[in-house]
Amino acid sequence: MPYLTYEEYKFWGNASVTEEAFPKLLQKASDVIDSVTRAFYRFNDINMDVPYRREQFKKAVVAQIDYFDDMGANTAHGLSSIQSVTIGRTSISGKSGANVEKDILSSDALMYLQYTGLLYSGVRCC
């Protein structure tokens, strides 16, 4: 079950993603967010969760979709291969592979998840 509808994306996102491109970006963004939340909503019904955490999670997926759209890539390799960009007289150089694991996750998505408890990775007892 998808975490987000296109209408929800348009409400919270920058809406630059077309409806045709949305499903592919949604799947990849969901996979990235699942990796940091230990796939919490793959095992728990998102619609039965408290509204605050559900909304923050959806906003994180939206932020991840927007991040992929802004960067023009949705893989670790694609994001790390950006070396430099020149626009007019301005030139910006990027990384060449360092910290790629962190670069695939949007900082905005992490911000939305911060106080939800979904990032907790401690040990449970009993």
PDB file of N, CA and C in Angstrom:
ATOM      1  N   MET A   1       0.836  -1.181   0.000  1.00  0.00           N
ATOM      2  CA  MET A   1       0.000   0.000   0.000  1.00  0.00           C
ATOM      3  C   MET A   1       0.888   1.255   0.000  1.00  0.00           C
ATOM      4  N   PRO A   2       0.663   2.151  -0.931  1.00  0.00           N
ATOM      5  CA  PRO A   2       1.465   3.383  -0.969  1.00  0.00           C
ATOM      6  C   PRO A   2       1.212   4.243   0.276  1.00  0.00           C
ATOM      7  N   TYR A   3       2.257   4.913   0.712  1.00  0.00           N
ATOM      8  CA  TYR A   3       2.158   5.775   1.885  1.00  0.00           C
ATOM      9  C   TYR A   3       1.458   7.094   1.591  1.00  0.00           C
ATOM     10  N   LEU A   4       1.361   7.456   0.332  1.00  0.00           N
ATOM     11  CA  LEU A   4       0.971   8.803  -0.043  1.00  0.00           C
ATOM     12  C   LEU A   4       0.208   8.784  -1.360  1.00  0.00           C
ATOM     13  N   THR A   5      -0.783   9.647  -1.479  1.00  0.00           N
ATOM     14  CA  THR A   5      -1.457   9.832  -2.762  1.00  0.00           C
ATOM     15  C   THR A   5      -0.843  11.037  -3.470  1.00  0.00           C
ATOM     16  N   TYR A   6      -1.105  11.140  -4.741  1.00  0.00           N
ATOM     17  CA  TYR A   6      -0.583  12.288  -5.488  1.00  0.00           C
ATOM     18  C   TYR A   6      -1.199  13.591  -4.977  1.00  0.00           C
ATOM     19  N   GLU A   7      -2.452  13.540  -4.558  1.00  0.00           N
ATOM     20  CA  GLU A   7      -3.118  14.730  -4.007  1.00  0.00           C
ATOM     21  C   GLU A   7      -2.451  15.175  -2.707  1.00  0.00           C
ATOM     22  N   GLU A   8      -2.075  14.227  -1.857  1.00  0.00           N
ATOM     23  CA  GLU A   8      -1.351  14.572  -0.627  1.00  0.00           C
ATOM     24  C   GLU A   8       0.009  15.175  -0.968  1.00  0.00           C
ATOM     25  N   TYR A   9       0.665  14.609  -1.966  1.00  0.00           N
ATOM     26  CA  TYR A   9       1.955  15.152  -2.375  1.00  0.00           C
ATOM     27  C   TYR A   9       1.807  16.604  -2.828  1.00  0.00           C
ATOM     28  N   LYS A  10       0.814  16.871  -3.657  1.00  0.00           N
ATOM     29  CA  LYS A  10       0.615  18.236  -4.154  1.00  0.00           C
ATOM     30  C   LYS A  10       0.303  19.201  -3.006  1.00  0.00           C
ATOM     31  N   PHE A  11      -0.371  18.730  -1.979  1.00  0.00           N
ATOM     32  CA  PHE A  11      -0.714  19.578  -0.839  1.00  0.00           C
ATOM     33  C   PHE A  11       0.535  19.986  -0.056  1.00  0.00           C
ATOM     34  N   TRP A  12       1.452  19.034   0.180  1.00  0.00           N
ATOM     35  CA  TRP A  12       2.638  19.296   1.007  1.00  0.00           C
ATOM     36  C   TRP A  12       3.909  19.559   0.212  1.00  0.00           C
ATOM     37  N   GLY A  13       3.983  19.080  -1.021  1.00  0.00           N
ATOM     38  CA  GLY A  13       5.228  19.164  -1.781  1.00  0.00           C
ATOM     39  C   GLY A  13       5.324  20.401  -2.639  1.00  0.00           C
ATOM     40  N   ASN A  14       6.397  20.449  -3.422  1.00  0.00           N
ATOM     41  CA  ASN A  14       6.561  21.606  -4.299  1.00  0.00           C
ATOM     42  C   ASN A  14       5.820  21.423  -5.614  1.00  0.00           C
ATOM     43  N   ALA A  15       5.178  20.278  -5.777  1.00  0.00           N
ATOM     44  CA  ALA A  15       4.290  19.969  -6.904  1.00  0.00           C
ATOM     45  C   ALA A  15       4.961  20.089  -8.270  1.00  0.00           C
ATOM     46  N   SER A  16       6.262  20.002  -8.318  1.00  0.00           N
ATOM     47  CA  SER A  16       6.935  20.032  -9.617  1.00  0.00           C
ATOM     48  C   SER A  16       6.998  18.644 -10.245  1.00  0.00           C
ATOM     49  N   VAL A  17       6.727  17.626  -9.455  1.00  0.00           N
ATOM     50  CA  VAL A  17       6.740  16.258  -9.950  1.00  0.00           C
ATOM     51  C   VAL A  17       5.417  15.976 -10.663  1.00  0.00           C
ATOM     52  N   THR A  18       5.510  15.445 -11.861  1.00  0.00           N
ATOM     53  CA  THR A  18       4.299  15.140 -12.621  1.00  0.00           C
ATOM     54  C   THR A  18       3.624  13.885 -12.064  1.00  0.00           C
ATOM     55  N   GLU A  19       2.362  13.743 -12.384  1.00  0.00           N
ATOM     56  CA  GLU A  19       1.619  12.574 -11.923  1.00  0.00           C
ATOM     57  C   GLU A  19       2.187  11.286 -12.516  1.00  0.00           C
ATOM     58  N   GLU A  20       2.778  11.377 -13.698  1.00  0.00           N
ATOM     59  CA  GLU A  20       3.374  10.199 -14.341  1.00  0.00           C
ATOM     60  C   GLU A  20       4.668   9.781 -13.642  1.00  0.00           C
ATOM     61  N   ALA A  21       5.463  10.752 -13.202  1.00  0.00           N
ATOM     62  CA  ALA A  21       6.744  10.454 -12.550  1.00  0.00           C
ATOM     63  C   ALA A  21       6.563  10.107 -11.073  1.00  0.00           C
ATOM     64  N   PHE A  22       5.435  10.484 -10.511  1.00  0.00           N
ATOM     65  CA  PHE A  22       5.193  10.320  -9.071  1.00  0.00           C
ATOM     66  C   PHE A  22       5.338   8.880  -8.565  1.00  0.00           C
ATOM     67  N   PRO A  23       4.728   7.864  -9.196  1.00  0.00           N
ATOM     68  CA  PRO A  23       4.816   6.503  -8.635  1.00  0.00           C
ATOM     69  C   PRO A  23       6.243   5.989  -8.460  1.00  0.00           C
ATOM     70  N   LYS A  24       7.110   6.258  -9.435  1.00  0.00           N
ATOM     71  CA  LYS A  24       8.500   5.783  -9.340  1.00  0.00           C
ATOM     72  C   LYS A  24       9.238   6.500  -8.207  1.00  0.00           C
ATOM     73  N   LEU A  25       9.064   7.812  -8.122  1.00  0.00           N
ATOM     74  CA  LEU A  25       9.719   8.566  -7.050  1.00  0.00           C
ATOM     75  C   LEU A  25       9.149   8.191  -5.685  1.00  0.00           C
ATOM     76  N   LEU A  26       7.844   7.939  -5.627  1.00  0.00           N
ATOM     77  CA  LEU A  26       7.212   7.537  -4.362  1.00  0.00           C
ATOM     78  C   LEU A  26       7.798   6.222  -3.871  1.00  0.00           C
ATOM     79  N   GLN A  27       7.966   5.263  -4.763  1.00  0.00           N
ATOM     80  CA  GLN A  27       8.504   3.964  -4.365  1.00  0.00           C
ATOM     81  C   GLN A  27       9.918   4.095  -3.823  1.00  0.00           C
ATOM     82  N   LYS A  28      10.754   4.826  -4.530  1.00  0.00           N
ATOM     83  CA  LYS A  28      12.153   4.984  -4.090  1.00  0.00           C
ATOM     84  C   LYS A  28      12.220   5.787  -2.795  1.00  0.00           C
ATOM     85  N   ALA A  29      11.434   6.855  -2.690  1.00  0.00           N
ATOM     86  CA  ALA A  29      11.420   7.668  -1.462  1.00  0.00           C
ATOM     87  C   ALA A  29      10.925   6.833  -0.288  1.00  0.00           C
ATOM     88  N   SER A  30       9.903   6.031  -0.515  1.00  0.00           N
ATOM     89  CA  SER A  30       9.376   5.159   0.549  1.00  0.00           C
ATOM     90  C   SER A  30      10.436   4.169   1.017  1.00  0.00           C
ATOM     91  N   ASP A  31      11.194   3.620   0.087  1.00  0.00           N
ATOM     92  CA  ASP A  31      12.257   2.677   0.442  1.00  0.00           C
ATOM     93  C   ASP A  31      13.330   3.354   1.301  1.00  0.00           C
ATOM     94  N   VAL A  32      13.698   4.577   0.942  1.00  0.00           N
ATOM     95  CA  VAL A  32      14.718   5.300   1.710  1.00  0.00           C
ATOM     96  C   VAL A  32      14.193   5.614   3.117  1.00  0.00           C
ATOM     97  N   ILE A  33      12.962   6.093   3.209  1.00  0.00           N
ATOM     98  CA  ILE A  33      12.380   6.413   4.522  1.00  0.00           C
ATOM     99  C   ILE A  33      12.197   5.137   5.342  1.00  0.00           C
ATOM    100  N   ASP A  34      11.790   4.047   4.702  1.00  0.00           N
ATOM    101  CA  ASP A  34      11.683   2.761   5.408  1.00  0.00           C
ATOM    102  C   ASP A  34      13.024   2.340   5.993  1.00  0.00           C
ATOM    103  N   SER A  35      14.109   2.631   5.284  1.00  0.00           N
ATOM    104  CA  SER A  35      15.424   2.201   5.765  1.00  0.00           C
ATOM    105  C   SER A  35      15.815   2.899   7.068  1.00  0.00           C
ATOM    106  N   VAL A  36      15.361   4.118   7.288  1.00  0.00           N
ATOM    107  CA  VAL A  36      15.711   4.819   8.525  1.00  0.00           C
ATOM    108  C   VAL A  36      14.670   4.642   9.623  1.00  0.00           C
ATOM    109  N   THR A  37      13.465   4.197   9.255  1.00  0.00           N
ATOM    110  CA  THR A  37      12.414   3.975  10.262  1.00  0.00           C
ATOM    111  C   THR A  37      12.226   2.490  10.559  1.00  0.00           C
ATOM    112  N   ARG A  38      13.164   1.677  10.088  1.00  0.00           N
ATOM    113  CA  ARG A  38      13.100   0.231  10.270  1.00  0.00           C
ATOM    114  C   ARG A  38      11.782  -0.354   9.727  1.00  0.00           C
ATOM    115  N   ALA A  39      11.285   0.233   8.629  1.00  0.00           N
ATOM    116  CA  ALA A  39      10.073  -0.229   7.935  1.00  0.00           C
ATOM    117  C   ALA A  39       8.878  -0.322   8.881  1.00  0.00           C
ATOM    118  N   PHE A  40       8.776   0.639   9.788  1.00  0.00           N
ATOM    119  CA  PHE A  40       7.721   0.626  10.804  1.00  0.00           C
ATOM    120  C   PHE A  40       6.333   0.444  10.201  1.00  0.00           C
ATOM    121  N   TYR A  41       6.026   1.183   9.145  1.00  0.00           N
ATOM    122  CA  TYR A  41       4.682   1.114   8.565  1.00  0.00           C
ATOM    123  C   TYR A  41       4.500  -0.040   7.590  1.00  0.00           C
ATOM    124  N   ARG A  42       5.514  -0.827   7.377  1.00  0.00           N
ATOM    125  CA  ARG A  42       5.330  -2.075   6.634  1.00  0.00           C
ATOM    126  C   ARG A  42       4.711  -3.131   7.564  1.00  0.00           C
ATOM    127  N   PHE A  43       4.919  -2.933   8.871  1.00  0.00           N
ATOM    128  CA  PHE A  43       4.413  -3.889   9.861  1.00  0.00           C
ATOM    129  C   PHE A  43       3.269  -3.334  10.697  1.00  0.00           C
ATOM    130  N   ASN A  44       3.010  -2.038  10.605  1.00  0.00           N
ATOM    131  CA  ASN A  44       1.949  -1.390  11.370  1.00  0.00           C
ATOM    132  C   ASN A  44       1.094  -0.560  10.419  1.00  0.00           C
ATOM    133  N   ASP A  45      -0.207  -0.530  10.678  1.00  0.00           N
ATOM    134  CA  ASP A  45      -1.143   0.195   9.818  1.00  0.00           C
ATOM    135  C   ASP A  45      -0.989   1.699  10.025  1.00  0.00           C
ATOM    136  N   ILE A  46      -0.568   2.407   8.983  1.00  0.00           N
ATOM    137  CA  ILE A  46      -0.344   3.851   9.082  1.00  0.00           C
ATOM    138  C   ILE A  46      -1.637   4.596   9.422  1.00  0.00           C
ATOM    139  N   ASN A  47      -2.773   4.085   8.958  1.00  0.00           N
ATOM    140  CA  ASN A  47      -4.047   4.753   9.208  1.00  0.00           C
ATOM    141  C   ASN A  47      -4.531   4.597  10.643  1.00  0.00           C
ATOM    142  N   MET A  48      -3.970   3.665  11.371  1.00  0.00           N
ATOM    143  CA  MET A  48      -4.369   3.444  12.768  1.00  0.00           C
ATOM    144  C   MET A  48      -3.428   4.150  13.745  1.00  0.00           C
ATOM    145  N   ASP A  49      -2.394   4.771  13.245  1.00  0.00           N
ATOM    146  CA  ASP A  49      -1.414   5.440  14.098  1.00  0.00           C
ATOM    147  C   ASP A  49      -1.915   6.824  14.498  1.00  0.00           C
ATOM    148  N   VAL A  50      -1.252   7.419  15.478  1.00  0.00           N
ATOM    149  CA  VAL A  50      -1.635   8.753  15.937  1.00  0.00           C
ATOM    150  C   VAL A  50      -1.441   9.758  14.796  1.00  0.00           C
ATOM    151  N   PRO A  51      -2.323  10.740  14.673  1.00  0.00           N
ATOM    152  CA  PRO A  51      -2.255  11.686  13.548  1.00  0.00           C
ATOM    153  C   PRO A  51      -0.921  12.419  13.426  1.00  0.00           C
ATOM    154  N   TYR A  52      -0.310  12.826  14.519  1.00  0.00           N
ATOM    155  CA  TYR A  52       0.943  13.574  14.447  1.00  0.00           C
ATOM    156  C   TYR A  52       2.033  12.763  13.757  1.00  0.00           C
ATOM    157  N   ARG A  53       2.238  11.529  14.205  1.00  0.00           N
ATOM    158  CA  ARG A  53       3.313  10.707  13.636  1.00  0.00           C
ATOM    159  C   ARG A  53       3.009  10.355  12.188  1.00  0.00           C
ATOM    160  N   ARG A  54       1.748  10.051  11.892  1.00  0.00           N
ATOM    161  CA  ARG A  54       1.351   9.733  10.522  1.00  0.00           C
ATOM    162  C   ARG A  54       1.629  10.921   9.592  1.00  0.00           C
ATOM    163  N   GLU A  55       1.255  12.124  10.030  1.00  0.00           N
ATOM    164  CA  GLU A  55       1.463  13.314   9.198  1.00  0.00           C
ATOM    165  C   GLU A  55       2.945  13.630   9.011  1.00  0.00           C
ATOM    166  N   GLN A  56       3.728  13.512  10.069  1.00  0.00           N
ATOM    167  CA  GLN A  56       5.165  13.775   9.964  1.00  0.00           C
ATOM    168  C   GLN A  56       5.835  12.766   9.035  1.00  0.00           C
ATOM    169  N   PHE A  57       5.401  11.522   9.116  1.00  0.00           N
ATOM    170  CA  PHE A  57       5.953  10.484   8.244  1.00  0.00           C
ATOM    171  C   PHE A  57       5.645  10.804   6.780  1.00  0.00           C
ATOM    172  N   LYS A  58       4.411  11.173   6.504  1.00  0.00           N
ATOM    173  CA  LYS A  58       4.024  11.506   5.128  1.00  0.00           C
ATOM    174  C   LYS A  58       4.785  12.729   4.635  1.00  0.00           C
ATOM    175  N   LYS A  59       4.978  13.711   5.505  1.00  0.00           N
ATOM    176  CA  LYS A  59       5.759  14.886   5.119  1.00  0.00           C
ATOM    177  C   LYS A  59       7.206  14.491   4.814  1.00  0.00           C
ATOM    178  N   ALA A  60       7.732  13.517   5.534  1.00  0.00           N
ATOM    179  CA  ALA A  60       9.091  13.037   5.277  1.00  0.00           C
ATOM    180  C   ALA A  60       9.173  12.381   3.903  1.00  0.00           C
ATOM    181  N   VAL A  61       8.166  11.614   3.536  1.00  0.00           N
ATOM    182  CA  VAL A  61       8.145  10.988   2.205  1.00  0.00           C
ATOM    183  C   VAL A  61       8.065  12.070   1.132  1.00  0.00           C
ATOM    184  N   VAL A  62       7.235  13.091   1.360  1.00  0.00           N
ATOM    185  CA  VAL A  62       7.126  14.211   0.418  1.00  0.00           C
ATOM    186  C   VAL A  62       8.480  14.910   0.272  1.00  0.00           C
ATOM    187  N   ALA A  63       9.136  15.172   1.393  1.00  0.00           N
ATOM    188  CA  ALA A  63      10.443  15.838   1.356  1.00  0.00           C
ATOM    189  C   ALA A  63      11.457  15.001   0.595  1.00  0.00           C
ATOM    190  N   GLN A  64      11.388  13.681   0.752  1.00  0.00           N
ATOM    191  CA  GLN A  64      12.319  12.802   0.049  1.00  0.00           C
ATOM    192  C   GLN A  64      12.044  12.827  -1.456  1.00  0.00           C
ATOM    193  N   ILE A  65      10.781  12.835  -1.847  1.00  0.00           N
ATOM    194  CA  ILE A  65      10.422  12.935  -3.268  1.00  0.00           C
ATOM    195  C   ILE A  65      10.949  14.253  -3.845  1.00  0.00           C
ATOM    196  N   ASP A  66      10.714  15.345  -3.126  1.00  0.00           N
ATOM    197  CA  ASP A  66      11.191  16.655  -3.589  1.00  0.00           C
ATOM    198  C   ASP A  66      12.714  16.691  -3.694  1.00  0.00           C
ATOM    199  N   TYR A  67      13.390  16.049  -2.754  1.00  0.00           N
ATOM    200  CA  TYR A  67      14.850  15.989  -2.763  1.00  0.00           C
ATOM    201  C   TYR A  67      15.346  15.283  -4.026  1.00  0.00           C
ATOM    202  N   PHE A  68      14.761  14.125  -4.324  1.00  0.00           N
ATOM    203  CA  PHE A  68      15.149  13.399  -5.533  1.00  0.00           C
ATOM    204  C   PHE A  68      14.871  14.242  -6.776  1.00  0.00           C
ATOM    205  N   ASP A  69      13.730  14.909  -6.799  1.00  0.00           N
ATOM    206  CA  ASP A  69      13.377  15.746  -7.938  1.00  0.00           C
ATOM    207  C   ASP A  69      14.353  16.908  -8.077  1.00  0.00           C
ATOM    208  N   ASP A  70      14.673  17.573  -6.983  1.00  0.00           N
ATOM    209  CA  ASP A  70      15.608  18.705  -7.016  1.00  0.00           C
ATOM    210  C   ASP A  70      17.010  18.285  -7.450  1.00  0.00           C
ATOM    211  N   MET A  71      17.440  17.109  -6.985  1.00  0.00           N
ATOM    212  CA  MET A  71      18.796  16.646  -7.292  1.00  0.00           C
ATOM    213  C   MET A  71      18.892  16.006  -8.677  1.00  0.00           C
ATOM    214  N   GLY A  72      17.760  15.621  -9.242  1.00  0.00           N
ATOM    215  CA  GLY A  72      17.780  15.004 -10.568  1.00  0.00           C
ATOM    216  C   GLY A  72      18.259  13.571 -10.565  1.00  0.00           C
ATOM    217  N   ALA A  73      18.265  12.938  -9.403  1.00  0.00           N
ATOM    218  CA  ALA A  73      18.700  11.535  -9.283  1.00  0.00           C
ATOM    219  C   ALA A  73      18.014  10.918  -8.073  1.00  0.00           C
ATOM    220  N   ASN A  74      17.901   9.592  -8.076  1.00  0.00           N
ATOM    221  CA  ASN A  74      17.283   8.921  -6.926  1.00  0.00           C
ATOM    222  C   ASN A  74      18.037   7.663  -6.500  1.00  0.00           C
ATOM    223  N   THR A  75      19.322   7.612  -6.834  1.00  0.00           N
ATOM    224  CA  THR A  75      20.174   6.513  -6.388  1.00  0.00           C
ATOM    225  C   THR A  75      21.433   7.083  -5.755  1.00  0.00           C
ATOM    226  N   ALA A  76      22.084   6.286  -4.937  1.00  0.00           N
ATOM    227  CA  ALA A  76      23.322   6.736  -4.300  1.00  0.00           C
ATOM    228  C   ALA A  76      24.366   7.074  -5.359  1.00  0.00           C
ATOM    229  N   HIS A  77      24.447   6.258  -6.384  1.00  0.00           N
ATOM    230  CA  HIS A  77      25.418   6.520  -7.447  1.00  0.00           C
ATOM    231  C   HIS A  77      25.076   7.810  -8.192  1.00  0.00           C
ATOM    232  N   GLY A  78      23.805   7.982  -8.527  1.00  0.00           N
ATOM    233  CA  GLY A  78      23.389   9.180  -9.243  1.00  0.00           C
ATOM    234  C   GLY A  78      23.634  10.446  -8.440  1.00  0.00           C
ATOM    235  N   LEU A  79      23.401  10.383  -7.137  1.00  0.00           N
ATOM    236  CA  LEU A  79      23.613  11.548  -6.289  1.00  0.00           C
ATOM    237  C   LEU A  79      25.091  11.832  -6.072  1.00  0.00           C
ATOM    238  N   SER A  80      25.925  10.794  -6.069  1.00  0.00           N
ATOM    239  CA  SER A  80      27.349  11.003  -5.821  1.00  0.00           C
ATOM    240  C   SER A  80      28.111  11.373  -7.080  1.00  0.00           C
ATOM    241  N   SER A  81      27.526  11.147  -8.235  1.00  0.00           N
ATOM    242  CA  SER A  81      28.255  11.396  -9.474  1.00  0.00           C
ATOM    243  C   SER A  81      28.207  12.856  -9.917  1.00  0.00           C
ATOM    244  N   ILE A  82      27.463  13.682  -9.212  1.00  0.00           N
ATOM    245  CA  ILE A  82      27.420  15.095  -9.557  1.00  0.00           C
ATOM    246  C   ILE A  82      28.733  15.728  -9.114  1.00  0.00           C
ATOM    247  N   GLN A  83      29.565  16.119 -10.075  1.00  0.00           N
ATOM    248  CA  GLN A  83      30.881  16.668  -9.773  1.00  0.00           C
ATOM    249  C   GLN A  83      30.850  18.181  -9.657  1.00  0.00           C
ATOM    250  N   SER A  84      30.283  18.845 -10.664  1.00  0.00           N
ATOM    251  CA  SER A  84      30.238  20.299 -10.626  1.00  0.00           C
ATOM    252  C   SER A  84      29.153  20.816 -11.557  1.00  0.00           C
ATOM    253  N   VAL A  85      28.699  22.013 -11.259  1.00  0.00           N
ATOM    254  CA  VAL A  85      27.678  22.675 -12.061  1.00  0.00           C
ATOM    255  C   VAL A  85      28.140  24.098 -12.298  1.00  0.00           C
ATOM    256  N   THR A  86      28.006  24.560 -13.527  1.00  0.00           N
ATOM    257  CA  THR A  86      28.363  25.942 -13.852  1.00  0.00           C
ATOM    258  C   THR A  86      27.160  26.625 -14.478  1.00  0.00           C
ATOM    259  N   ILE A  87      26.781  27.751 -13.891  1.00  0.00           N
ATOM    260  CA  ILE A  87      25.689  28.563 -14.419  1.00  0.00           C
ATOM    261  C   ILE A  87      26.235  29.975 -14.576  1.00  0.00           C
ATOM    262  N   GLY A  88      26.375  30.380 -15.796  1.00  0.00           N
ATOM    263  CA  GLY A  88      26.975  31.691 -16.037  1.00  0.00           C
ATOM    264  C   GLY A  88      28.402  31.718 -15.528  1.00  0.00           C
ATOM    265  N   ARG A  89      28.694  32.679 -14.651  1.00  0.00           N
ATOM    266  CA  ARG A  89      30.039  32.795 -14.075  1.00  0.00           C
ATOM    267  C   ARG A  89      30.149  32.090 -12.729  1.00  0.00           C
ATOM    268  N   THR A  90      29.071  31.450 -12.294  1.00  0.00           N
ATOM    269  CA  THR A  90      29.081  30.758 -11.005  1.00  0.00           C
ATOM    270  C   THR A  90      29.339  29.279 -11.203  1.00  0.00           C
ATOM    271  N   SER A  91      30.269  28.728 -10.441  1.00  0.00           N
ATOM    272  CA  SER A  91      30.598  27.313 -10.520  1.00  0.00           C
ATOM    273  C   SER A  91      30.541  26.707  -9.129  1.00  0.00           C
ATOM    274  N   ILE A  92      29.886  25.545  -9.023  1.00  0.00           N
ATOM    275  CA  ILE A  92      29.770  24.849  -7.748  1.00  0.00           C
ATOM    276  C   ILE A  92      30.299  23.440  -7.932  1.00  0.00           C
ATOM    277  N   SER A  93      31.225  23.026  -7.062  1.00  0.00           N
ATOM    278  CA  SER A  93      31.777  21.676  -7.116  1.00  0.00           C
ATOM    279  C   SER A  93      31.155  20.830  -6.024  1.00  0.00           C
ATOM    280  N   GLY A  94      30.862  19.563  -6.368  1.00  0.00           N
ATOM    281  CA  GLY A  94      30.246  18.657  -5.413  1.00  0.00           C
ATOM    282  C   GLY A  94      31.196  17.592  -4.937  1.00  0.00           C
ATOM    283  N   LYS A  95      30.650  16.648  -4.197  1.00  0.00           N
ATOM    284  CA  LYS A  95      31.435  15.536  -3.661  1.00  0.00           C
ATOM    285  C   LYS A  95      31.627  14.474  -4.719  1.00  0.00           C
ATOM    286  N   SER A  96      32.609  13.648  -4.522  1.00  0.00           N
ATOM    287  CA  SER A  96      32.843  12.562  -5.472  1.00  0.00           C
ATOM    288  C   SER A  96      32.789  11.207  -4.776  1.00  0.00           C
ATOM    289  N   GLY A  97      31.755  10.999  -3.995  1.00  0.00           N
ATOM    290  CA  GLY A  97      31.582   9.697  -3.382  1.00  0.00           C
ATOM    291  C   GLY A  97      31.672   9.691  -1.876  1.00  0.00           C
ATOM    292  N   ALA A  98      32.201  10.717  -1.250  1.00  0.00           N
ATOM    293  CA  ALA A  98      32.315  10.740   0.207  1.00  0.00           C
ATOM    294  C   ALA A  98      30.940  10.910   0.834  1.00  0.00           C
ATOM    295  N   ASN A  99      30.669  10.139   1.859  1.00  0.00           N
ATOM    296  CA  ASN A  99      29.413  10.229   2.612  1.00  0.00           C
ATOM    297  C   ASN A  99      28.168  10.013   1.759  1.00  0.00           C
ATOM    298  N   VAL A 100      28.258   9.175   0.759  1.00  0.00           N
ATOM    299  CA  VAL A 100      27.123   8.929  -0.121  1.00  0.00           C
ATOM    300  C   VAL A 100      25.961   8.327   0.654  1.00  0.00           C
ATOM    301  N   GLU A 101      26.245   7.496   1.640  1.00  0.00           N
ATOM    302  CA  GLU A 101      25.187   6.865   2.411  1.00  0.00           C
ATOM    303  C   GLU A 101      24.283   7.905   3.053  1.00  0.00           C
ATOM    304  N   LYS A 102      24.866   8.971   3.551  1.00  0.00           N
ATOM    305  CA  LYS A 102      24.077  10.030   4.179  1.00  0.00           C
ATOM    306  C   LYS A 102      23.403  10.908   3.138  1.00  0.00           C
ATOM    307  N   ASP A 103      24.003  11.045   1.973  1.00  0.00           N
ATOM    308  CA  ASP A 103      23.492  11.959   0.965  1.00  0.00           C
ATOM    309  C   ASP A 103      22.195  11.505   0.325  1.00  0.00           C
ATOM    310  N   ILE A 104      21.860  10.233   0.391  1.00  0.00           N
ATOM    311  CA  ILE A 104      20.623   9.779  -0.240  1.00  0.00           C
ATOM    312  C   ILE A 104      19.399  10.171   0.590  1.00  0.00           C
ATOM    313  N   LEU A 105      19.572  10.435   1.869  1.00  0.00           N
ATOM    314  CA  LEU A 105      18.468  10.834   2.741  1.00  0.00           C
ATOM    315  C   LEU A 105      18.395  12.353   2.824  1.00  0.00           C
ATOM    316  N   SER A 106      17.234  12.878   2.553  1.00  0.00           N
ATOM    317  CA  SER A 106      17.006  14.318   2.623  1.00  0.00           C
ATOM    318  C   SER A 106      17.083  14.811   4.071  1.00  0.00           C
ATOM    319  N   SER A 107      17.766  15.906   4.278  1.00  0.00           N
ATOM    320  CA  SER A 107      17.828  16.514   5.619  1.00  0.00           C
ATOM    321  C   SER A 107      16.451  16.953   6.072  1.00  0.00           C
ATOM    322  N   ASP A 108      15.624  17.409   5.143  1.00  0.00           N
ATOM    323  CA  ASP A 108      14.259  17.813   5.488  1.00  0.00           C
ATOM    324  C   ASP A 108      13.438  16.609   5.957  1.00  0.00           C
ATOM    325  N   ALA A 109      13.601  15.471   5.283  1.00  0.00           N
ATOM    326  CA  ALA A 109      12.882  14.267   5.692  1.00  0.00           C
ATOM    327  C   ALA A 109      13.290  13.864   7.102  1.00  0.00           C
ATOM    328  N   LEU A 110      14.572  13.922   7.382  1.00  0.00           N
ATOM    329  CA  LEU A 110      15.076  13.602   8.720  1.00  0.00           C
ATOM    330  C   LEU A 110      14.500  14.551   9.761  1.00  0.00           C
ATOM    331  N   MET A 111      14.374  15.820   9.411  1.00  0.00           N
ATOM    332  CA  MET A 111      13.797  16.809  10.318  1.00  0.00           C
ATOM    333  C   MET A 111      12.343  16.441  10.670  1.00  0.00           C
ATOM    334  N   TYR A 112      11.560  16.025   9.679  1.00  0.00           N
ATOM    335  CA  TYR A 112      10.166  15.654   9.951  1.00  0.00           C
ATOM    336  C   TYR A 112      10.062  14.427  10.841  1.00  0.00           C
ATOM    337  N   LEU A 113      10.999  13.512  10.717  1.00  0.00           N
ATOM    338  CA  LEU A 113      10.949  12.272  11.494  1.00  0.00           C
ATOM    339  C   LEU A 113      11.536  12.419  12.897  1.00  0.00           C
ATOM    340  N   GLN A 114      12.222  13.510  13.147  1.00  0.00           N
ATOM    341  CA  GLN A 114      13.020  13.676  14.358  1.00  0.00           C
ATOM    342  C   GLN A 114      12.275  13.388  15.666  1.00  0.00           C
ATOM    343  N   TYR A 115      11.087  13.913  15.847  1.00  0.00           N
ATOM    344  CA  TYR A 115      10.393  13.761  17.130  1.00  0.00           C
ATOM    345  C   TYR A 115       9.251  12.748  17.084  1.00  0.00           C
ATOM    346  N   THR A 116       9.297  11.850  16.133  1.00  0.00           N
ATOM    347  CA  THR A 116       8.219  10.874  15.997  1.00  0.00           C
ATOM    348  C   THR A 116       8.478   9.573  16.744  1.00  0.00           C
ATOM    349  N   GLY A 117       9.726   9.322  17.095  1.00  0.00           N
ATOM    350  CA  GLY A 117      10.087   8.042  17.692  1.00  0.00           C
ATOM    351  C   GLY A 117      10.416   6.988  16.644  1.00  0.00           C
ATOM    352  N   LEU A 118      10.213   7.311  15.380  1.00  0.00           N
ATOM    353  CA  LEU A 118      10.464   6.342  14.313  1.00  0.00           C
ATOM    354  C   LEU A 118      11.946   6.138  14.026  1.00  0.00           C
ATOM    355  N   LEU A 119      12.782   7.025  14.513  1.00  0.00           N
ATOM    356  CA  LEU A 119      14.218   6.888  14.300  1.00  0.00           C
ATOM    357  C   LEU A 119      14.905   6.148  15.457  1.00  0.00           C
ATOM    358  N   TYR A 120      14.163   5.833  16.494  1.00  0.00           N
ATOM    359  CA  TYR A 120      14.717   5.154  17.658  1.00  0.00           C
ATOM    360  C   TYR A 120      15.212   3.768  17.250  1.00  0.00           C
ATOM    361  N   SER A 121      16.436   3.464  17.641  1.00  0.00           N
ATOM    362  CA  SER A 121      16.985   2.157  17.276  1.00  0.00           C
ATOM    363  C   SER A 121      17.541   1.433  18.496  1.00  0.00           C
ATOM    364  N   GLY A 122      17.005   1.731  19.647  1.00  0.00           N
ATOM    365  CA  GLY A 122      17.468   1.081  20.862  1.00  0.00           C
ATOM    366  C   GLY A 122      16.989  -0.348  20.961  1.00  0.00           C
ATOM    367  N   VAL A 123      17.416  -1.011  21.988  1.00  0.00           N
ATOM    368  CA  VAL A 123      17.064  -2.410  22.204  1.00  0.00           C
ATOM    369  C   VAL A 123      15.801  -2.462  23.048  1.00  0.00           C
ATOM    370  N   ARG A 124      14.854  -3.291  22.611  1.00  0.00           N
ATOM    371  CA  ARG A 124      13.634  -3.484  23.383  1.00  0.00           C
ATOM    372  C   ARG A 124      13.786  -4.709  24.270  1.00  0.00           C
ATOM    373  N   CYS A 125      13.238  -4.581  25.395  1.00  0.00           N
ATOM    374  CA  CYS A 125      13.282  -5.695  26.338  1.00  0.00           C
ATOM    375  C   CYS A 125      11.879  -6.219  26.595  1.00  0.00           C
ATOM    376  N   CYS A 126      11.767  -7.474  26.710  1.00  0.00           N
ATOM    377  CA  CYS A 126      10.560  -8.193  27.117  1.00  0.00           C
ATOM    378  C   CYS A 126       9.415  -7.947  26.194  1.00  0.00           C
TER     379      CYS A 126
END
